[in-house]
Structure formats: structure tokens, C-alpha cells
């Protein structure tokens, strides 16, 4: 009589996903639904159904839809910052004019491509609520470029924090104008905006 054992069944894959994956899927489901149906029309049941999780999972991470919307705003700005960082860090280390140009052009493209999410997560914010740690990190990134360019004599910029604020606001507003005129070529617009910003910085 054969003593061989039948082949064992393959191990089942784990049913529980890592917490960070589950959270990301939950937030992505909410973002999709908020954009498709609107924030008010989307229910927590809709979100958990699309994310394929129980309602208890939602409440494990968030107290309410408003809490989730705030988290989506933070995630949006973090992803925006990371996109800028990747683009700038691909430039030559001490080529500050190119770094500033790339920062501006990447900012235009990223915002123009994601403005629906931006408007969804920040649409209800008033001026006094717009300050946040992620936005400050973007301003600090831009200020660093301006400060280093000043030190390496790429331009004269004695108040980089003020100039960073002006450039940040100006680029944001100029991109709003681009979004309102979809017939504009995005790449050429971004290059022209970068040219204009660089001309505003006087040479030492």
C-alpha cells in the first residue's frame, strides 16, 4: 500500500491587508466617489462598499466624512509636495535657476492635472483656514531654492520667504487662469510662466 501523502493545498493568501494599504484604498474609494457623486451625496456605506470593507473599518480611521475629507486634503498636499521634490531633485545640484524653473513648471502641471481633487478637498476652506503644515512645507521648499540661489549668486533675493509667498500665490493664480482656458497648451504656458518668474529675480 502506498504511503505517499496527497499533495498539500497551496497556502491561502492572507485575508487581512496591511493597515496602510487598507487606509489608502479606503481614502481612494472616498476620493473617487466624492468626485463622481459629490461630497454630500456620498454616504459612508457607499465608501465602504467601493473599498470592500466593513463600516467598522471606516470608523476605525475616521470619525466622520468631514474627518476623512480633511485627511484627503492632507494627502493631496503631501503628494503634491512629493511630486515637486522628485522633479527638483532630478536637476543638477547647484543649478538653482533650473531648479526654480522645474519647480514652477511641475507645480503648474501637477495642479492643472489635479485641480478637481484640490477644489473638492479645499473648496470649503476660508482664507484664515488655508494655513497648514503641508502648504508650509511647499513654501519652505521654494524658499530653500530662492535662498540657495541667492547664496550662489544666481539672483538677488534678500527676502526669500516673502518672494516664495509671492511666487507660490502667483503660480497658483496663473494656473487657475490656465485651467479656465483649456485651449491653452499646458507645457508652453508653464515654460512662459517660469520665464516670467525668473525675469522677476534681478541678477546680482
N, C-alpha and C. Protein backbone atom coordinates (compact mmCIF):
# COMPACT_ATOMS: atom_id res chain seq x y z
N UNK A 1 0.84 -1.18 0.00
CA UNK A 1 0.00 0.00 0.00
C UNK A 1 0.89 1.24 0.00
N UNK A 2 0.52 2.19 -0.81
CA UNK A 2 1.34 3.40 -0.91
C UNK A 2 1.24 4.23 0.36
N UNK A 3 2.37 4.71 0.78
CA UNK A 3 2.39 5.56 1.98
C UNK A 3 2.56 7.04 1.63
N UNK A 4 2.52 7.34 0.34
CA UNK A 4 2.71 8.75 -0.05
C UNK A 4 1.50 9.58 0.37
N UNK A 5 1.75 10.78 0.77
CA UNK A 5 0.70 11.69 1.20
C UNK A 5 0.18 12.49 0.02
N UNK A 6 -1.11 12.82 0.01
CA UNK A 6 -1.63 13.66 -1.08
C UNK A 6 -0.99 15.03 -1.04
N UNK A 7 -0.83 15.66 -2.18
CA UNK A 7 -0.19 16.98 -2.19
C UNK A 7 -0.98 17.97 -1.36
N UNK A 8 -0.26 18.76 -0.61
CA UNK A 8 -0.92 19.74 0.25
C UNK A 8 -1.47 20.87 -0.60
N UNK A 9 -2.59 21.42 -0.13
CA UNK A 9 -3.20 22.55 -0.84
C UNK A 9 -2.32 23.78 -0.70
N UNK A 10 -2.28 24.62 -1.71
CA UNK A 10 -1.46 25.83 -1.59
C UNK A 10 -1.97 26.71 -0.47
N UNK A 11 -1.04 27.40 0.17
CA UNK A 11 -1.40 28.28 1.28
C UNK A 11 -2.31 29.39 0.78
N UNK A 12 -3.35 29.64 1.54
CA UNK A 12 -4.24 30.74 1.18
C UNK A 12 -3.53 32.05 1.44
N UNK A 13 -3.76 33.03 0.58
CA UNK A 13 -3.14 34.32 0.79
C UNK A 13 -3.78 35.00 1.99
N UNK A 14 -3.05 35.82 2.70
CA UNK A 14 -3.59 36.46 3.89
C UNK A 14 -4.83 37.28 3.55
N UNK A 15 -5.86 37.16 4.39
CA UNK A 15 -7.10 37.87 4.14
C UNK A 15 -7.03 39.30 4.64
N UNK A 16 -6.13 39.58 5.55
CA UNK A 16 -6.03 40.91 6.13
C UNK A 16 -4.90 41.67 5.46
N UNK A 17 -5.23 42.81 4.87
CA UNK A 17 -4.23 43.64 4.23
C UNK A 17 -3.53 44.49 5.28
N UNK A 18 -2.30 44.92 5.00
CA UNK A 18 -1.64 45.85 5.92
C UNK A 18 -2.50 47.08 6.13
N UNK A 19 -2.40 47.65 7.33
CA UNK A 19 -3.24 48.79 7.69
C UNK A 19 -3.08 49.95 6.73
N UNK A 20 -1.82 50.22 6.31
CA UNK A 20 -1.60 51.38 5.43
C UNK A 20 -2.22 51.17 4.05
N UNK A 21 -2.25 49.90 3.59
CA UNK A 21 -2.88 49.59 2.30
C UNK A 21 -4.38 49.75 2.40
N UNK A 22 -4.95 49.22 3.48
CA UNK A 22 -6.39 49.33 3.69
C UNK A 22 -6.82 50.79 3.79
N UNK A 23 -6.04 51.59 4.51
CA UNK A 23 -6.37 53.01 4.65
C UNK A 23 -6.29 53.72 3.31
N UNK A 24 -5.26 53.42 2.53
CA UNK A 24 -5.11 54.07 1.23
C UNK A 24 -6.26 53.70 0.31
N UNK A 25 -6.67 52.44 0.31
CA UNK A 25 -7.80 52.00 -0.51
C UNK A 25 -9.09 52.68 -0.07
N UNK A 26 -9.28 52.82 1.21
CA UNK A 26 -10.48 53.47 1.74
C UNK A 26 -10.52 54.94 1.30
N UNK A 27 -9.39 55.62 1.41
CA UNK A 27 -9.34 57.03 1.02
C UNK A 27 -9.49 57.20 -0.49
N UNK A 28 -8.91 56.30 -1.26
CA UNK A 28 -9.03 56.38 -2.72
C UNK A 28 -10.48 56.14 -3.15
N UNK A 29 -11.15 55.22 -2.49
CA UNK A 29 -12.57 54.99 -2.79
C UNK A 29 -13.39 56.23 -2.49
N UNK A 30 -13.12 56.88 -1.36
CA UNK A 30 -13.84 58.10 -1.00
C UNK A 30 -13.56 59.21 -2.00
N UNK A 31 -12.30 59.37 -2.39
CA UNK A 31 -11.95 60.42 -3.35
C UNK A 31 -12.69 60.23 -4.67
N UNK A 32 -12.70 59.00 -5.17
CA UNK A 32 -13.41 58.70 -6.42
C UNK A 32 -14.89 59.03 -6.32
N UNK A 33 -15.51 58.61 -5.22
CA UNK A 33 -16.94 58.85 -5.04
C UNK A 33 -17.26 60.32 -4.84
N UNK A 34 -16.44 61.03 -4.07
CA UNK A 34 -16.67 62.46 -3.87
C UNK A 34 -16.61 63.21 -5.20
N UNK A 35 -15.67 62.80 -6.07
CA UNK A 35 -15.54 63.45 -7.37
C UNK A 35 -16.70 63.09 -8.30
N UNK A 36 -17.17 61.86 -8.21
CA UNK A 36 -18.24 61.41 -9.11
C UNK A 36 -19.61 61.88 -8.65
N UNK A 37 -19.90 61.73 -7.35
CA UNK A 37 -21.25 61.99 -6.84
C UNK A 37 -21.38 63.30 -6.06
N UNK A 38 -20.25 63.81 -5.60
CA UNK A 38 -20.28 64.96 -4.71
C UNK A 38 -20.16 64.51 -3.26
N UNK A 39 -19.62 65.38 -2.43
CA UNK A 39 -19.39 65.04 -1.03
C UNK A 39 -20.69 64.74 -0.29
N UNK A 40 -21.67 65.60 -0.44
CA UNK A 40 -22.92 65.45 0.30
C UNK A 40 -23.68 64.20 -0.12
N UNK A 41 -23.66 63.88 -1.41
CA UNK A 41 -24.44 62.75 -1.91
C UNK A 41 -23.80 61.40 -1.60
N UNK A 42 -22.52 61.39 -1.26
CA UNK A 42 -21.81 60.14 -0.95
C UNK A 42 -22.02 59.77 0.50
N UNK A 43 -22.39 58.52 0.72
CA UNK A 43 -22.59 58.04 2.09
C UNK A 43 -21.39 57.21 2.53
N UNK A 44 -21.29 57.01 3.83
CA UNK A 44 -20.23 56.14 4.35
C UNK A 44 -20.43 54.73 3.84
N UNK A 45 -21.69 54.32 3.69
CA UNK A 45 -21.97 52.98 3.14
C UNK A 45 -21.45 52.87 1.71
N UNK A 46 -21.58 53.94 0.93
CA UNK A 46 -21.03 53.94 -0.44
C UNK A 46 -19.52 53.71 -0.41
N UNK A 47 -18.86 54.43 0.49
CA UNK A 47 -17.40 54.37 0.57
C UNK A 47 -16.94 52.97 0.96
N UNK A 48 -17.54 52.40 1.98
CA UNK A 48 -17.12 51.08 2.44
C UNK A 48 -17.46 50.00 1.42
N UNK A 49 -18.56 50.20 0.68
CA UNK A 49 -18.91 49.22 -0.36
C UNK A 49 -17.86 49.22 -1.47
N UNK A 50 -17.47 50.41 -1.95
CA UNK A 50 -16.48 50.50 -3.02
C UNK A 50 -15.11 50.01 -2.54
N UNK A 51 -14.78 50.32 -1.29
CA UNK A 51 -13.49 49.88 -0.73
C UNK A 51 -13.52 48.42 -0.28
N UNK A 52 -14.71 47.82 -0.27
CA UNK A 52 -14.88 46.41 0.14
C UNK A 52 -14.41 46.17 1.57
N UNK A 53 -14.88 47.05 2.47
CA UNK A 53 -14.58 46.90 3.89
C UNK A 53 -15.87 47.08 4.69
N UNK A 54 -15.83 46.67 5.94
CA UNK A 54 -16.97 46.85 6.83
C UNK A 54 -17.03 48.30 7.30
N UNK A 55 -18.21 48.75 7.72
CA UNK A 55 -18.35 50.11 8.23
C UNK A 55 -17.44 50.36 9.43
N UNK A 56 -17.22 49.31 10.21
CA UNK A 56 -16.36 49.45 11.37
C UNK A 56 -14.95 49.85 10.99
N UNK A 57 -14.50 49.43 9.80
CA UNK A 57 -13.16 49.81 9.33
C UNK A 57 -13.09 51.31 9.09
N UNK A 58 -14.16 51.86 8.52
CA UNK A 58 -14.20 53.31 8.31
C UNK A 58 -14.05 54.04 9.64
N UNK A 59 -14.83 53.63 10.63
CA UNK A 59 -14.82 54.33 11.91
C UNK A 59 -13.55 54.04 12.73
N UNK A 60 -12.82 53.02 12.32
CA UNK A 60 -11.52 52.78 12.95
C UNK A 60 -10.55 53.92 12.62
N UNK A 61 -10.68 54.47 11.40
CA UNK A 61 -9.77 55.52 10.94
C UNK A 61 -10.36 56.93 11.03
N UNK A 62 -11.67 57.04 10.86
CA UNK A 62 -12.29 58.36 10.75
C UNK A 62 -13.54 58.46 11.61
N UNK A 63 -13.74 59.63 12.18
CA UNK A 63 -14.94 59.85 12.99
C UNK A 63 -16.14 60.21 12.12
N UNK A 64 -15.89 60.75 10.92
CA UNK A 64 -16.98 61.21 10.08
C UNK A 64 -16.46 61.42 8.66
N UNK A 65 -17.37 61.75 7.74
CA UNK A 65 -16.95 62.09 6.37
C UNK A 65 -16.09 63.36 6.38
N UNK A 66 -16.44 64.31 7.22
CA UNK A 66 -15.65 65.54 7.30
C UNK A 66 -14.21 65.25 7.74
N UNK A 67 -14.06 64.32 8.66
CA UNK A 67 -12.74 63.90 9.12
C UNK A 67 -11.95 63.30 7.96
N UNK A 68 -12.64 62.48 7.16
CA UNK A 68 -11.98 61.87 6.01
C UNK A 68 -11.61 62.94 4.97
N UNK A 69 -12.47 63.92 4.77
CA UNK A 69 -12.18 64.99 3.81
C UNK A 69 -10.92 65.75 4.21
N UNK A 70 -10.77 66.01 5.50
CA UNK A 70 -9.57 66.69 6.00
C UNK A 70 -8.33 65.83 5.74
N UNK A 71 -8.45 64.51 5.92
CA UNK A 71 -7.33 63.61 5.66
C UNK A 71 -6.99 63.58 4.17
N UNK A 72 -8.01 63.65 3.32
CA UNK A 72 -7.77 63.70 1.87
C UNK A 72 -7.05 64.98 1.48
N UNK A 73 -7.38 66.09 2.15
CA UNK A 73 -6.69 67.36 1.88
C UNK A 73 -5.21 67.24 2.23
N UNK A 74 -4.93 66.64 3.37
CA UNK A 74 -3.53 66.44 3.79
C UNK A 74 -2.80 65.54 2.80
N UNK A 75 -3.45 64.46 2.38
CA UNK A 75 -2.83 63.54 1.42
C UNK A 75 -2.58 64.23 0.09
N UNK A 76 -3.53 65.03 -0.37
CA UNK A 76 -3.36 65.74 -1.64
C UNK A 76 -2.12 66.62 -1.61
N UNK A 77 -1.97 67.41 -0.54
CA UNK A 77 -0.84 68.34 -0.48
C UNK A 77 0.47 67.60 -0.30
N UNK A 78 0.47 66.49 0.43
CA UNK A 78 1.67 65.69 0.59
C UNK A 78 2.12 65.12 -0.76
N UNK A 79 1.17 64.62 -1.53
CA UNK A 79 1.50 64.07 -2.84
C UNK A 79 2.00 65.15 -3.79
N UNK A 80 1.43 66.34 -3.68
CA UNK A 80 1.85 67.49 -4.48
C UNK A 80 3.31 67.84 -4.15
N UNK A 81 3.61 67.89 -2.86
CA UNK A 81 4.97 68.19 -2.40
C UNK A 81 5.95 67.15 -2.89
N UNK A 82 5.57 65.88 -2.80
CA UNK A 82 6.46 64.80 -3.23
C UNK A 82 6.75 64.89 -4.73
N UNK A 83 5.73 65.28 -5.52
CA UNK A 83 5.93 65.43 -6.96
C UNK A 83 6.93 66.54 -7.25
N UNK A 84 6.81 67.66 -6.53
CA UNK A 84 7.76 68.76 -6.69
C UNK A 84 9.17 68.32 -6.29
N UNK A 85 9.28 67.61 -5.18
CA UNK A 85 10.59 67.16 -4.69
C UNK A 85 11.27 66.26 -5.70
N UNK A 86 10.53 65.31 -6.27
CA UNK A 86 11.11 64.40 -7.26
C UNK A 86 11.64 65.17 -8.47
N UNK A 87 10.86 66.12 -8.94
CA UNK A 87 11.26 66.88 -10.14
C UNK A 87 12.49 67.74 -9.86
N UNK A 88 12.49 68.43 -8.72
CA UNK A 88 13.61 69.32 -8.39
C UNK A 88 14.88 68.51 -8.14
N UNK A 89 14.76 67.40 -7.43
CA UNK A 89 15.94 66.61 -7.11
C UNK A 89 16.56 65.93 -8.33
N UNK A 90 15.83 65.89 -9.43
CA UNK A 90 16.39 65.34 -10.67
C UNK A 90 17.29 66.34 -11.38
N UNK A 91 17.29 67.59 -10.91
CA UNK A 91 18.13 68.65 -11.52
C UNK A 91 19.55 68.60 -10.95
N UNK A 92 20.48 69.23 -11.64
CA UNK A 92 21.84 69.35 -11.13
C UNK A 92 21.84 70.06 -9.78
N UNK A 93 22.74 69.65 -8.91
CA UNK A 93 22.70 70.06 -7.51
C UNK A 93 22.70 71.57 -7.33
N UNK A 94 23.58 72.27 -7.99
CA UNK A 94 23.72 73.71 -7.77
C UNK A 94 23.19 74.57 -8.91
N UNK A 95 22.38 73.98 -9.77
CA UNK A 95 21.78 74.73 -10.87
C UNK A 95 20.45 75.30 -10.38
N UNK A 96 20.54 76.39 -9.63
CA UNK A 96 19.35 76.94 -8.97
C UNK A 96 18.35 77.55 -9.94
N UNK A 97 18.76 78.21 -11.03
CA UNK A 97 17.75 78.67 -11.99
C UNK A 97 16.94 77.52 -12.60
N UNK A 98 17.62 76.42 -12.93
CA UNK A 98 16.89 75.27 -13.47
C UNK A 98 15.98 74.66 -12.42
N UNK A 99 16.45 74.60 -11.18
CA UNK A 99 15.63 74.05 -10.10
C UNK A 99 14.36 74.90 -9.91
N UNK A 100 14.52 76.21 -9.96
CA UNK A 100 13.34 77.06 -9.81
C UNK A 100 12.41 76.89 -11.01
N UNK A 101 12.97 76.86 -12.21
CA UNK A 101 12.15 76.65 -13.41
C UNK A 101 11.37 75.34 -13.31
N UNK A 102 12.04 74.27 -12.93
CA UNK A 102 11.39 72.97 -12.84
C UNK A 102 10.32 72.97 -11.74
N UNK A 103 10.61 73.66 -10.64
CA UNK A 103 9.62 73.76 -9.57
C UNK A 103 8.34 74.43 -10.09
N UNK A 104 8.50 75.52 -10.82
CA UNK A 104 7.33 76.25 -11.34
C UNK A 104 6.57 75.41 -12.36
N UNK A 105 7.29 74.84 -13.33
CA UNK A 105 6.63 74.07 -14.38
C UNK A 105 5.93 72.84 -13.82
N UNK A 106 6.57 72.18 -12.86
CA UNK A 106 5.95 70.99 -12.25
C UNK A 106 4.73 71.39 -11.43
N UNK A 107 4.82 72.51 -10.76
CA UNK A 107 3.68 73.00 -9.98
C UNK A 107 2.48 73.26 -10.89
N UNK A 108 2.72 73.91 -12.03
CA UNK A 108 1.64 74.19 -12.97
C UNK A 108 1.00 72.89 -13.45
N UNK A 109 1.82 71.95 -13.90
CA UNK A 109 1.28 70.71 -14.47
C UNK A 109 0.53 69.89 -13.41
N UNK A 110 1.13 69.79 -12.22
CA UNK A 110 0.51 68.98 -11.19
C UNK A 110 -0.83 69.55 -10.75
N UNK A 111 -0.88 70.86 -10.54
CA UNK A 111 -2.12 71.50 -10.14
C UNK A 111 -3.17 71.43 -11.24
N UNK A 112 -2.75 71.70 -12.49
CA UNK A 112 -3.70 71.68 -13.61
C UNK A 112 -4.30 70.29 -13.81
N UNK A 113 -3.52 69.26 -13.52
CA UNK A 113 -4.00 67.89 -13.72
C UNK A 113 -4.82 67.37 -12.54
N UNK A 114 -4.71 68.02 -11.40
CA UNK A 114 -5.39 67.51 -10.21
C UNK A 114 -6.32 68.53 -9.57
N UNK A 115 -6.69 69.58 -10.31
CA UNK A 115 -7.44 70.67 -9.68
C UNK A 115 -8.82 70.23 -9.18
N UNK A 116 -9.40 69.21 -9.80
CA UNK A 116 -10.72 68.75 -9.33
C UNK A 116 -10.61 68.20 -7.91
N UNK A 117 -9.55 67.45 -7.64
CA UNK A 117 -9.34 66.96 -6.28
C UNK A 117 -9.02 68.11 -5.35
N UNK A 118 -8.18 69.04 -5.81
CA UNK A 118 -7.85 70.22 -5.00
C UNK A 118 -9.12 70.98 -4.61
N UNK A 119 -9.98 71.24 -5.59
CA UNK A 119 -11.19 72.00 -5.32
C UNK A 119 -12.14 71.22 -4.41
N UNK A 120 -12.14 69.91 -4.54
CA UNK A 120 -13.00 69.08 -3.71
C UNK A 120 -12.56 69.10 -2.25
N UNK A 121 -11.27 68.98 -2.01
CA UNK A 121 -10.80 68.89 -0.62
C UNK A 121 -10.64 70.24 0.05
N UNK A 122 -10.41 71.29 -0.77
CA UNK A 122 -10.21 72.62 -0.20
C UNK A 122 -11.33 73.60 -0.52
N UNK A 123 -12.37 73.13 -1.20
CA UNK A 123 -13.43 74.02 -1.65
C UNK A 123 -14.13 74.78 -0.55
N UNK A 124 -14.27 74.18 0.64
CA UNK A 124 -14.99 74.85 1.71
C UNK A 124 -14.11 75.66 2.64
N UNK A 125 -12.81 75.75 2.33
CA UNK A 125 -11.90 76.46 3.23
C UNK A 125 -11.99 77.97 3.02
N UNK A 126 -11.92 78.71 4.12
CA UNK A 126 -11.85 80.16 4.06
C UNK A 126 -10.38 80.58 4.17
N UNK A 127 -10.12 81.84 3.91
CA UNK A 127 -8.73 82.32 3.89
C UNK A 127 -8.01 82.02 5.19
N UNK A 128 -8.68 82.20 6.33
CA UNK A 128 -7.98 82.01 7.60
C UNK A 128 -7.71 80.54 7.91
N UNK A 129 -8.30 79.62 7.11
CA UNK A 129 -8.10 78.20 7.37
C UNK A 129 -7.08 77.57 6.42
N UNK A 130 -6.53 78.36 5.50
CA UNK A 130 -5.70 77.78 4.46
C UNK A 130 -4.30 77.43 4.91
N UNK A 131 -3.88 77.94 6.03
CA UNK A 131 -2.54 77.64 6.51
C UNK A 131 -2.50 76.21 7.04
N UNK A 132 -1.55 75.42 6.59
CA UNK A 132 -1.41 74.05 7.09
C UNK A 132 0.04 73.62 6.94
N UNK A 133 0.40 72.57 7.65
CA UNK A 133 1.80 72.14 7.69
C UNK A 133 2.31 71.74 6.31
N UNK A 134 1.44 71.09 5.50
CA UNK A 134 1.88 70.65 4.18
C UNK A 134 2.13 71.84 3.26
N UNK A 135 1.23 72.84 3.28
CA UNK A 135 1.45 74.04 2.48
C UNK A 135 2.73 74.74 2.92
N UNK A 136 2.95 74.82 4.24
CA UNK A 136 4.18 75.44 4.74
C UNK A 136 5.41 74.70 4.23
N UNK A 137 5.32 73.37 4.11
CA UNK A 137 6.44 72.58 3.61
C UNK A 137 6.73 72.94 2.15
N UNK A 138 5.69 73.18 1.35
CA UNK A 138 5.88 73.59 -0.04
C UNK A 138 6.55 74.96 -0.10
N UNK A 139 6.09 75.89 0.74
CA UNK A 139 6.70 77.22 0.78
C UNK A 139 8.16 77.14 1.22
N UNK A 140 8.45 76.28 2.20
CA UNK A 140 9.83 76.12 2.66
C UNK A 140 10.71 75.54 1.55
N UNK A 141 10.15 74.63 0.76
CA UNK A 141 10.89 74.06 -0.37
C UNK A 141 11.25 75.16 -1.37
N UNK A 142 10.27 76.00 -1.70
CA UNK A 142 10.51 77.09 -2.63
C UNK A 142 11.47 78.13 -2.03
N UNK A 143 11.30 78.43 -0.76
CA UNK A 143 12.19 79.37 -0.08
C UNK A 143 13.63 78.87 -0.09
N UNK A 144 13.81 77.57 0.08
CA UNK A 144 15.16 76.98 0.06
C UNK A 144 15.82 77.21 -1.30
N UNK A 145 15.07 77.01 -2.38
CA UNK A 145 15.62 77.23 -3.72
C UNK A 145 16.04 78.69 -3.87
N UNK A 146 15.18 79.60 -3.44
CA UNK A 146 15.49 81.03 -3.57
C UNK A 146 16.70 81.42 -2.72
N UNK A 147 16.76 80.88 -1.51
CA UNK A 147 17.87 81.20 -0.60
C UNK A 147 19.19 80.68 -1.15
N UNK A 148 19.18 79.45 -1.64
CA UNK A 148 20.41 78.88 -2.19
C UNK A 148 20.83 79.60 -3.47
N UNK A 149 19.86 80.00 -4.28
CA UNK A 149 20.19 80.77 -5.48
C UNK A 149 20.82 82.10 -5.13
N UNK A 150 20.34 82.72 -4.06
CA UNK A 150 20.93 83.98 -3.58
C UNK A 150 22.36 83.75 -3.13
N UNK A 151 22.60 82.68 -2.37
CA UNK A 151 23.94 82.41 -1.85
C UNK A 151 24.93 82.07 -2.96
N UNK A 152 24.42 81.43 -4.04
CA UNK A 152 25.28 81.07 -5.16
C UNK A 152 25.27 82.15 -6.26
N UNK A 153 24.70 83.32 -5.92
CA UNK A 153 24.71 84.48 -6.81
C UNK A 153 24.00 84.23 -8.14
N UNK A 154 22.95 83.40 -8.09
CA UNK A 154 22.12 83.20 -9.28
C UNK A 154 21.16 84.36 -9.46
N UNK A 155 20.82 85.05 -8.35
CA UNK A 155 19.92 86.19 -8.37
C UNK A 155 20.06 86.95 -7.06
N UNK A 156 19.47 88.12 -7.02
CA UNK A 156 19.45 88.92 -5.80
C UNK A 156 18.08 88.75 -5.17
N UNK A 157 18.06 88.19 -3.95
CA UNK A 157 16.79 87.90 -3.29
C UNK A 157 17.00 88.00 -1.78
N UNK A 158 17.02 89.23 -1.24
CA UNK A 158 17.31 89.41 0.19
C UNK A 158 16.20 88.94 1.13
N UNK A 159 14.98 88.72 0.62
CA UNK A 159 13.88 88.26 1.46
C UNK A 159 13.21 87.05 0.82
N UNK A 160 13.88 85.89 0.87
CA UNK A 160 13.36 84.72 0.16
C UNK A 160 12.00 84.24 0.66
N UNK A 161 11.69 84.42 1.93
CA UNK A 161 10.39 83.97 2.44
C UNK A 161 9.25 84.78 1.82
N UNK A 162 9.45 86.09 1.68
CA UNK A 162 8.44 86.95 1.05
C UNK A 162 8.29 86.62 -0.43
N UNK A 163 9.42 86.45 -1.11
CA UNK A 163 9.38 86.14 -2.54
C UNK A 163 8.76 84.76 -2.77
N UNK A 164 9.05 83.81 -1.89
CA UNK A 164 8.45 82.47 -2.01
C UNK A 164 6.94 82.56 -1.92
N UNK A 165 6.44 83.35 -0.99
CA UNK A 165 5.00 83.51 -0.83
C UNK A 165 4.38 84.13 -2.07
N UNK A 166 5.04 85.15 -2.61
CA UNK A 166 4.53 85.81 -3.82
C UNK A 166 4.55 84.87 -5.01
N UNK A 167 5.64 84.11 -5.19
CA UNK A 167 5.72 83.18 -6.31
C UNK A 167 4.71 82.06 -6.17
N UNK A 168 4.58 81.53 -4.97
CA UNK A 168 3.62 80.44 -4.73
C UNK A 168 2.21 80.91 -5.10
N UNK A 169 1.82 82.09 -4.59
CA UNK A 169 0.48 82.61 -4.85
C UNK A 169 0.30 82.95 -6.33
N UNK A 170 1.36 83.53 -6.93
CA UNK A 170 1.28 83.90 -8.34
C UNK A 170 1.18 82.70 -9.26
N UNK A 171 1.97 81.67 -9.00
CA UNK A 171 1.92 80.46 -9.82
C UNK A 171 0.56 79.78 -9.68
N UNK A 172 0.05 79.75 -8.45
CA UNK A 172 -1.26 79.15 -8.20
C UNK A 172 -2.34 79.90 -8.99
N UNK A 173 -2.32 81.24 -8.90
CA UNK A 173 -3.31 82.03 -9.61
C UNK A 173 -3.18 81.93 -11.12
N UNK A 174 -1.96 81.91 -11.61
CA UNK A 174 -1.74 81.77 -13.05
C UNK A 174 -2.22 80.42 -13.55
N UNK A 175 -2.08 79.39 -12.73
CA UNK A 175 -2.56 78.07 -13.13
C UNK A 175 -4.08 78.02 -13.13
N UNK A 176 -4.71 78.75 -12.22
CA UNK A 176 -6.17 78.87 -12.27
C UNK A 176 -6.62 79.46 -13.61
N UNK A 177 -5.87 80.47 -14.08
CA UNK A 177 -6.18 81.07 -15.38
C UNK A 177 -6.01 80.06 -16.51
N UNK A 178 -4.99 79.21 -16.42
CA UNK A 178 -4.78 78.15 -17.41
C UNK A 178 -5.94 77.16 -17.39
N UNK A 179 -6.37 76.77 -16.21
CA UNK A 179 -7.48 75.82 -16.09
C UNK A 179 -8.75 76.39 -16.72
N UNK A 180 -8.94 77.70 -16.58
CA UNK A 180 -10.13 78.36 -17.13
C UNK A 180 -10.04 78.53 -18.64
N UNK A 181 -8.88 78.28 -19.22
CA UNK A 181 -8.69 78.43 -20.68
C UNK A 181 -8.08 77.14 -21.23
N UNK A 182 -8.88 76.08 -21.31
CA UNK A 182 -8.34 74.76 -21.69
C UNK A 182 -7.74 74.71 -23.08
N UNK A 183 -8.00 75.72 -23.91
CA UNK A 183 -7.40 75.72 -25.25
C UNK A 183 -5.91 76.05 -25.21
N UNK A 184 -5.43 76.57 -24.07
CA UNK A 184 -4.01 76.88 -23.92
C UNK A 184 -3.19 75.59 -23.88
N UNK A 185 -2.02 75.62 -24.51
CA UNK A 185 -1.10 74.49 -24.41
C UNK A 185 -0.42 74.52 -23.03
N UNK A 186 -0.59 73.47 -22.28
CA UNK A 186 -0.14 73.46 -20.88
C UNK A 186 1.37 73.59 -20.77
N UNK A 187 2.12 72.87 -21.59
CA UNK A 187 3.58 72.89 -21.47
C UNK A 187 4.16 74.26 -21.84
N UNK A 188 3.69 74.84 -22.94
CA UNK A 188 4.22 76.14 -23.33
C UNK A 188 3.83 77.21 -22.32
N UNK A 189 2.63 77.09 -21.76
CA UNK A 189 2.18 78.04 -20.74
C UNK A 189 3.08 77.94 -19.51
N UNK A 190 3.38 76.72 -19.09
CA UNK A 190 4.24 76.52 -17.92
C UNK A 190 5.63 77.09 -18.15
N UNK A 191 6.17 76.88 -19.36
CA UNK A 191 7.50 77.42 -19.68
C UNK A 191 7.49 78.95 -19.67
N UNK A 192 6.45 79.54 -20.25
CA UNK A 192 6.38 81.00 -20.30
C UNK A 192 6.23 81.59 -18.90
N UNK A 193 5.45 80.92 -18.06
CA UNK A 193 5.29 81.38 -16.68
C UNK A 193 6.62 81.30 -15.94
N UNK A 194 7.37 80.21 -16.14
CA UNK A 194 8.68 80.07 -15.50
C UNK A 194 9.62 81.16 -15.99
N UNK A 195 9.61 81.44 -17.30
CA UNK A 195 10.44 82.53 -17.85
C UNK A 195 10.11 83.85 -17.17
N UNK A 196 8.83 84.13 -17.02
CA UNK A 196 8.39 85.39 -16.42
C UNK A 196 8.84 85.48 -14.97
N UNK A 197 8.68 84.42 -14.22
CA UNK A 197 9.09 84.42 -12.81
C UNK A 197 10.59 84.63 -12.66
N UNK A 198 11.37 83.98 -13.50
CA UNK A 198 12.82 84.12 -13.44
C UNK A 198 13.25 85.54 -13.78
N UNK A 199 12.54 86.19 -14.71
CA UNK A 199 12.89 87.57 -15.05
C UNK A 199 12.59 88.53 -13.90
N UNK A 200 11.71 88.13 -13.00
CA UNK A 200 11.39 88.98 -11.86
C UNK A 200 12.50 89.01 -10.80
N UNK A 201 13.41 88.03 -10.89
CA UNK A 201 14.51 87.96 -9.94
C UNK A 201 15.74 88.66 -10.53
N UNK A 202 16.13 89.80 -10.01
CA UNK A 202 17.26 90.54 -10.61
C UNK A 202 18.59 89.81 -10.40
N UNK A 203 19.45 89.95 -11.36
CA UNK A 203 20.81 89.39 -11.25
C UNK A 203 21.64 90.23 -10.29
N UNK A 204 22.52 89.63 -9.52
CA UNK A 204 23.35 90.41 -8.57
C UNK A 204 24.37 91.29 -9.31
